[in-house]
Amino acid sequence: MPSKVVESKTSGEEVFKTPLNRIGIVKVLEVDNKSSSDITITIQDVFKPSVTQNNPNPTEVTVNRFVITVKAGTFVNIDFKDGIEILGICSVVGSVDTSDCKITVHYDFKY
């Protein structure tokens, strides 16, 4: 299972892009918050809906799939039983810019 480690950034950090005709699944989230602040982590799904007759030029959509606040100086490990489905780009956004908060996302893809 692939994984990626990112730092807490208010601008967001891309974790993975879901390949065409597949669904990304976030399986495990680990947050190691060594900072002196509580940090809210948001897993976002950024995608563009399909073109339809009623909407020939759809705009990009950002959906918050999961939000958690991690206390200062704590480590959290969440194993998502069914996973969090990602249709487009999986992005992780933190409420604070800091290199003292490492976020590890373990993911996979399904058809």
N, C-alpha and C. Protein backbone atom coordinates (compact mmCIF):
# COMPACT_ATOMS: atom_id res chain seq x y z
N MET A 1 0.86 -1.17 0.00
CA MET A 1 0.00 0.00 0.00
C MET A 1 0.90 1.23 0.00
N PRO A 2 0.72 2.12 -0.98
CA PRO A 2 1.54 3.33 -1.02
C PRO A 2 1.18 4.28 0.12
N SER A 3 2.13 5.15 0.44
CA SER A 3 1.88 6.17 1.46
C SER A 3 2.72 7.40 1.13
N LYS A 4 2.31 8.50 1.72
CA LYS A 4 3.05 9.75 1.53
C LYS A 4 3.00 10.54 2.83
N VAL A 5 4.13 11.16 3.17
CA VAL A 5 4.22 12.01 4.36
C VAL A 5 4.29 13.46 3.91
N VAL A 6 3.44 14.30 4.50
CA VAL A 6 3.44 15.73 4.20
C VAL A 6 3.46 16.50 5.52
N GLU A 7 3.79 17.78 5.42
CA GLU A 7 3.76 18.65 6.59
C GLU A 7 2.46 19.44 6.60
N SER A 8 2.08 19.94 7.75
CA SER A 8 0.88 20.76 7.88
C SER A 8 1.08 22.09 7.14
N LYS A 9 0.24 22.34 6.15
CA LYS A 9 0.28 23.58 5.36
C LYS A 9 -1.14 24.09 5.17
N THR A 10 -1.33 25.38 5.38
CA THR A 10 -2.66 25.96 5.18
C THR A 10 -3.06 26.00 3.71
N SER A 11 -2.06 25.97 2.83
CA SER A 11 -2.34 25.98 1.39
C SER A 11 -2.64 24.58 0.87
N GLY A 12 -2.39 23.57 1.70
CA GLY A 12 -2.65 22.19 1.31
C GLY A 12 -1.46 21.53 0.66
N GLU A 13 -1.41 20.21 0.78
CA GLU A 13 -0.35 19.40 0.20
C GLU A 13 -1.01 18.26 -0.58
N GLU A 14 -0.64 18.10 -1.85
CA GLU A 14 -1.18 17.01 -2.64
C GLU A 14 -0.57 15.69 -2.19
N VAL A 15 -1.43 14.68 -2.00
CA VAL A 15 -0.96 13.37 -1.58
C VAL A 15 -0.93 12.42 -2.79
N PHE A 16 -2.02 12.38 -3.56
CA PHE A 16 -2.04 11.55 -4.76
C PHE A 16 -3.13 12.02 -5.71
N LYS A 17 -2.99 11.60 -6.97
CA LYS A 17 -4.01 11.82 -8.00
C LYS A 17 -4.64 10.48 -8.33
N THR A 18 -5.94 10.42 -8.33
CA THR A 18 -6.64 9.19 -8.66
C THR A 18 -6.62 8.99 -10.17
N PRO A 19 -6.15 7.81 -10.63
CA PRO A 19 -6.15 7.55 -12.08
C PRO A 19 -7.57 7.51 -12.64
N LEU A 20 -7.68 7.79 -13.93
CA LEU A 20 -8.96 7.78 -14.62
C LEU A 20 -9.64 6.42 -14.45
N ASN A 21 -10.94 6.44 -14.22
CA ASN A 21 -11.78 5.25 -14.07
C ASN A 21 -11.43 4.40 -12.84
N ARG A 22 -10.86 5.03 -11.83
CA ARG A 22 -10.57 4.35 -10.57
C ARG A 22 -11.03 5.24 -9.43
N ILE A 23 -11.00 4.70 -8.23
CA ILE A 23 -11.36 5.45 -7.03
C ILE A 23 -10.20 5.31 -6.05
N GLY A 24 -9.72 6.44 -5.54
CA GLY A 24 -8.69 6.41 -4.51
C GLY A 24 -9.33 6.13 -3.17
N ILE A 25 -8.63 5.39 -2.33
CA ILE A 25 -9.14 5.05 -1.01
C ILE A 25 -8.07 5.38 0.03
N VAL A 26 -8.39 6.31 0.93
CA VAL A 26 -7.51 6.59 2.06
C VAL A 26 -7.81 5.53 3.10
N LYS A 27 -6.79 4.72 3.43
CA LYS A 27 -6.97 3.60 4.35
C LYS A 27 -6.59 3.95 5.79
N VAL A 28 -5.45 4.67 5.94
CA VAL A 28 -4.95 5.00 7.28
C VAL A 28 -4.43 6.43 7.27
N LEU A 29 -4.68 7.15 8.35
CA LEU A 29 -4.17 8.50 8.54
C LEU A 29 -3.39 8.52 9.85
N GLU A 30 -2.15 8.98 9.78
CA GLU A 30 -1.32 9.15 10.97
C GLU A 30 -0.92 10.61 11.07
N VAL A 31 -1.11 11.19 12.23
CA VAL A 31 -0.72 12.59 12.44
C VAL A 31 0.18 12.64 13.67
N ASP A 32 1.41 13.14 13.48
CA ASP A 32 2.38 13.30 14.56
C ASP A 32 2.57 14.79 14.78
N ASN A 33 1.82 15.33 15.72
CA ASN A 33 1.82 16.77 15.98
C ASN A 33 2.78 17.10 17.12
N LYS A 34 4.01 17.43 16.76
CA LYS A 34 5.02 17.81 17.76
C LYS A 34 5.05 19.31 17.99
N SER A 35 4.11 20.03 17.39
CA SER A 35 4.08 21.48 17.55
C SER A 35 3.43 21.85 18.88
N SER A 36 3.47 23.13 19.22
CA SER A 36 2.87 23.61 20.47
C SER A 36 1.43 24.06 20.29
N SER A 37 0.86 23.81 19.10
CA SER A 37 -0.52 24.21 18.80
C SER A 37 -1.37 23.01 18.43
N ASP A 38 -2.66 23.08 18.78
CA ASP A 38 -3.61 22.10 18.26
C ASP A 38 -3.75 22.38 16.76
N ILE A 39 -3.84 21.34 15.95
CA ILE A 39 -3.92 21.52 14.51
C ILE A 39 -5.11 20.74 13.96
N THR A 40 -5.91 21.40 13.15
CA THR A 40 -7.02 20.74 12.48
C THR A 40 -6.55 20.30 11.11
N ILE A 41 -6.73 19.01 10.82
CA ILE A 41 -6.32 18.41 9.56
C ILE A 41 -7.58 18.09 8.76
N THR A 42 -7.57 18.47 7.48
CA THR A 42 -8.69 18.20 6.59
C THR A 42 -8.21 17.41 5.38
N ILE A 43 -8.87 16.30 5.09
CA ILE A 43 -8.60 15.56 3.87
C ILE A 43 -9.61 16.04 2.84
N GLN A 44 -9.10 16.58 1.73
CA GLN A 44 -9.96 17.13 0.68
C GLN A 44 -9.87 16.29 -0.59
N ASP A 45 -10.98 16.27 -1.32
CA ASP A 45 -11.08 15.62 -2.63
C ASP A 45 -11.34 16.74 -3.64
N VAL A 46 -10.41 16.95 -4.56
CA VAL A 46 -10.53 18.01 -5.55
C VAL A 46 -10.70 17.35 -6.92
N PHE A 47 -11.85 17.59 -7.55
CA PHE A 47 -12.11 16.94 -8.83
C PHE A 47 -12.98 17.82 -9.72
N LYS A 48 -13.02 17.49 -10.99
CA LYS A 48 -13.86 18.18 -11.96
C LYS A 48 -14.93 17.20 -12.43
N PRO A 49 -16.21 17.53 -12.22
CA PRO A 49 -17.29 16.63 -12.66
C PRO A 49 -17.25 16.41 -14.17
N SER A 50 -17.88 15.34 -14.59
CA SER A 50 -17.95 15.02 -16.02
C SER A 50 -18.77 16.05 -16.77
N VAL A 51 -18.42 16.24 -18.03
CA VAL A 51 -19.18 17.11 -18.92
C VAL A 51 -20.51 16.44 -19.23
N THR A 52 -21.58 17.20 -19.13
CA THR A 52 -22.92 16.70 -19.48
C THR A 52 -23.57 17.68 -20.44
N GLN A 53 -24.70 17.27 -20.97
CA GLN A 53 -25.42 18.15 -21.89
C GLN A 53 -25.89 19.41 -21.15
N ASN A 54 -26.29 19.26 -19.90
CA ASN A 54 -26.76 20.40 -19.11
C ASN A 54 -25.61 21.23 -18.54
N ASN A 55 -24.42 20.64 -18.45
CA ASN A 55 -23.27 21.35 -17.90
C ASN A 55 -22.04 21.05 -18.77
N PRO A 56 -21.92 21.75 -19.91
CA PRO A 56 -20.83 21.46 -20.84
C PRO A 56 -19.45 21.92 -20.35
N ASN A 57 -19.41 22.78 -19.34
CA ASN A 57 -18.13 23.29 -18.83
C ASN A 57 -18.16 23.29 -17.29
N PRO A 58 -18.07 22.10 -16.66
CA PRO A 58 -18.15 22.06 -15.20
C PRO A 58 -16.93 22.68 -14.54
N THR A 59 -17.15 23.24 -13.36
CA THR A 59 -16.05 23.84 -12.61
C THR A 59 -15.53 22.84 -11.57
N GLU A 60 -14.30 23.04 -11.18
CA GLU A 60 -13.66 22.17 -10.19
C GLU A 60 -14.39 22.24 -8.85
N VAL A 61 -14.48 21.11 -8.19
CA VAL A 61 -15.19 21.00 -6.92
C VAL A 61 -14.20 20.53 -5.85
N THR A 62 -14.28 21.13 -4.66
CA THR A 62 -13.49 20.68 -3.53
C THR A 62 -14.44 20.23 -2.43
N VAL A 63 -14.27 18.96 -2.00
CA VAL A 63 -15.13 18.39 -0.97
C VAL A 63 -14.26 17.98 0.21
N ASN A 64 -14.64 18.43 1.41
CA ASN A 64 -13.95 17.99 2.62
C ASN A 64 -14.46 16.59 2.97
N ARG A 65 -13.57 15.59 2.92
CA ARG A 65 -13.97 14.20 3.17
C ARG A 65 -13.80 13.80 4.63
N PHE A 66 -12.87 14.45 5.35
CA PHE A 66 -12.62 14.09 6.75
C PHE A 66 -11.92 15.26 7.44
N VAL A 67 -12.32 15.55 8.68
CA VAL A 67 -11.70 16.63 9.46
C VAL A 67 -11.45 16.12 10.88
N ILE A 68 -10.25 16.39 11.40
CA ILE A 68 -9.91 16.02 12.77
C ILE A 68 -9.00 17.10 13.36
N THR A 69 -9.16 17.35 14.66
CA THR A 69 -8.25 18.25 15.37
C THR A 69 -7.34 17.40 16.25
N VAL A 70 -6.04 17.60 16.09
CA VAL A 70 -5.04 16.84 16.84
C VAL A 70 -4.39 17.78 17.85
N LYS A 71 -4.46 17.39 19.10
CA LYS A 71 -3.90 18.21 20.19
C LYS A 71 -2.38 18.35 20.05
N ALA A 72 -1.86 19.44 20.57
CA ALA A 72 -0.41 19.69 20.55
C ALA A 72 0.32 18.56 21.27
N GLY A 73 1.43 18.11 20.66
CA GLY A 73 2.26 17.09 21.28
C GLY A 73 1.70 15.68 21.28
N THR A 74 0.72 15.40 20.41
CA THR A 74 0.13 14.06 20.39
C THR A 74 0.29 13.39 19.02
N PHE A 75 0.12 12.08 19.04
CA PHE A 75 0.17 11.26 17.83
C PHE A 75 -1.17 10.55 17.70
N VAL A 76 -1.75 10.60 16.50
CA VAL A 76 -3.03 9.96 16.24
C VAL A 76 -2.88 9.02 15.05
N ASN A 77 -3.44 7.82 15.18
CA ASN A 77 -3.43 6.84 14.10
C ASN A 77 -4.87 6.39 13.89
N ILE A 78 -5.42 6.64 12.71
CA ILE A 78 -6.80 6.27 12.41
C ILE A 78 -6.81 5.28 11.25
N ASP A 79 -7.39 4.12 11.51
CA ASP A 79 -7.54 3.09 10.48
C ASP A 79 -9.00 3.15 10.02
N PHE A 80 -9.21 3.59 8.80
CA PHE A 80 -10.57 3.72 8.27
C PHE A 80 -11.04 2.36 7.77
N LYS A 81 -12.02 1.80 8.43
CA LYS A 81 -12.51 0.45 8.11
C LYS A 81 -12.88 0.31 6.64
N ASP A 82 -13.71 1.21 6.14
CA ASP A 82 -14.15 1.17 4.75
C ASP A 82 -13.36 2.11 3.85
N GLY A 83 -12.48 2.91 4.44
CA GLY A 83 -11.70 3.86 3.67
C GLY A 83 -12.48 5.13 3.35
N ILE A 84 -11.75 6.14 2.93
CA ILE A 84 -12.36 7.40 2.49
C ILE A 84 -12.16 7.47 0.99
N GLU A 85 -13.25 7.56 0.23
CA GLU A 85 -13.17 7.56 -1.23
C GLU A 85 -12.75 8.93 -1.76
N ILE A 86 -11.80 8.91 -2.69
CA ILE A 86 -11.30 10.12 -3.34
C ILE A 86 -11.49 9.96 -4.84
N LEU A 87 -12.20 10.89 -5.46
CA LEU A 87 -12.49 10.81 -6.89
C LEU A 87 -11.43 11.49 -7.76
N GLY A 88 -10.75 12.48 -7.20
CA GLY A 88 -9.78 13.26 -7.98
C GLY A 88 -8.43 13.32 -7.29
N ILE A 89 -8.07 14.53 -6.85
CA ILE A 89 -6.79 14.75 -6.17
C ILE A 89 -7.04 14.73 -4.66
N CYS A 90 -6.25 13.92 -3.95
CA CYS A 90 -6.32 13.90 -2.49
C CYS A 90 -5.35 14.96 -1.98
N SER A 91 -5.88 15.90 -1.22
CA SER A 91 -5.08 16.98 -0.66
C SER A 91 -5.29 17.01 0.86
N VAL A 92 -4.21 17.30 1.59
CA VAL A 92 -4.29 17.42 3.04
C VAL A 92 -3.99 18.86 3.41
N VAL A 93 -4.90 19.45 4.20
CA VAL A 93 -4.77 20.85 4.60
C VAL A 93 -4.69 20.91 6.12
N GLY A 94 -3.72 21.66 6.63
CA GLY A 94 -3.59 21.88 8.07
C GLY A 94 -4.00 23.29 8.42
N SER A 95 -4.42 23.49 9.65
CA SER A 95 -4.84 24.83 10.09
C SER A 95 -3.66 25.73 10.43
N VAL A 96 -2.44 25.15 10.49
CA VAL A 96 -1.23 25.89 10.83
C VAL A 96 -0.12 25.45 9.89
N ASP A 97 0.72 26.38 9.45
CA ASP A 97 1.92 26.04 8.69
C ASP A 97 3.03 25.69 9.68
N THR A 98 3.44 24.42 9.68
CA THR A 98 4.53 24.01 10.57
C THR A 98 5.17 22.72 10.07
N SER A 99 6.48 22.65 10.23
CA SER A 99 7.20 21.42 9.89
C SER A 99 7.19 20.46 11.08
N ASP A 100 6.62 20.88 12.21
CA ASP A 100 6.56 20.04 13.41
C ASP A 100 5.32 19.14 13.45
N CYS A 101 4.54 19.15 12.37
CA CYS A 101 3.37 18.27 12.28
C CYS A 101 3.47 17.47 10.99
N LYS A 102 3.78 16.18 11.14
CA LYS A 102 3.90 15.29 9.99
C LYS A 102 2.61 14.49 9.84
N ILE A 103 2.11 14.43 8.61
CA ILE A 103 0.87 13.74 8.30
C ILE A 103 1.19 12.64 7.29
N THR A 104 0.90 11.40 7.66
CA THR A 104 1.14 10.26 6.77
C THR A 104 -0.20 9.71 6.31
N VAL A 105 -0.35 9.60 4.99
CA VAL A 105 -1.57 9.07 4.40
C VAL A 105 -1.22 7.77 3.69
N HIS A 106 -1.87 6.68 4.09
CA HIS A 106 -1.73 5.39 3.43
C HIS A 106 -2.97 5.21 2.56
N TYR A 107 -2.75 4.87 1.29
CA TYR A 107 -3.88 4.83 0.35
C TYR A 107 -3.74 3.69 -0.63
N ASP A 108 -4.81 3.45 -1.38
CA ASP A 108 -4.83 2.45 -2.43
C ASP A 108 -5.84 2.89 -3.47
N PHE A 109 -5.97 2.11 -4.53
CA PHE A 109 -6.94 2.41 -5.59
C PHE A 109 -7.80 1.18 -5.85
N LYS A 110 -9.06 1.43 -6.21
CA LYS A 110 -9.94 0.34 -6.61
C LYS A 110 -10.66 0.74 -7.89
N TYR A 111 -11.21 -0.26 -8.57
CA TYR A 111 -11.94 -0.01 -9.81
C TYR A 111 -13.37 0.33 -9.53
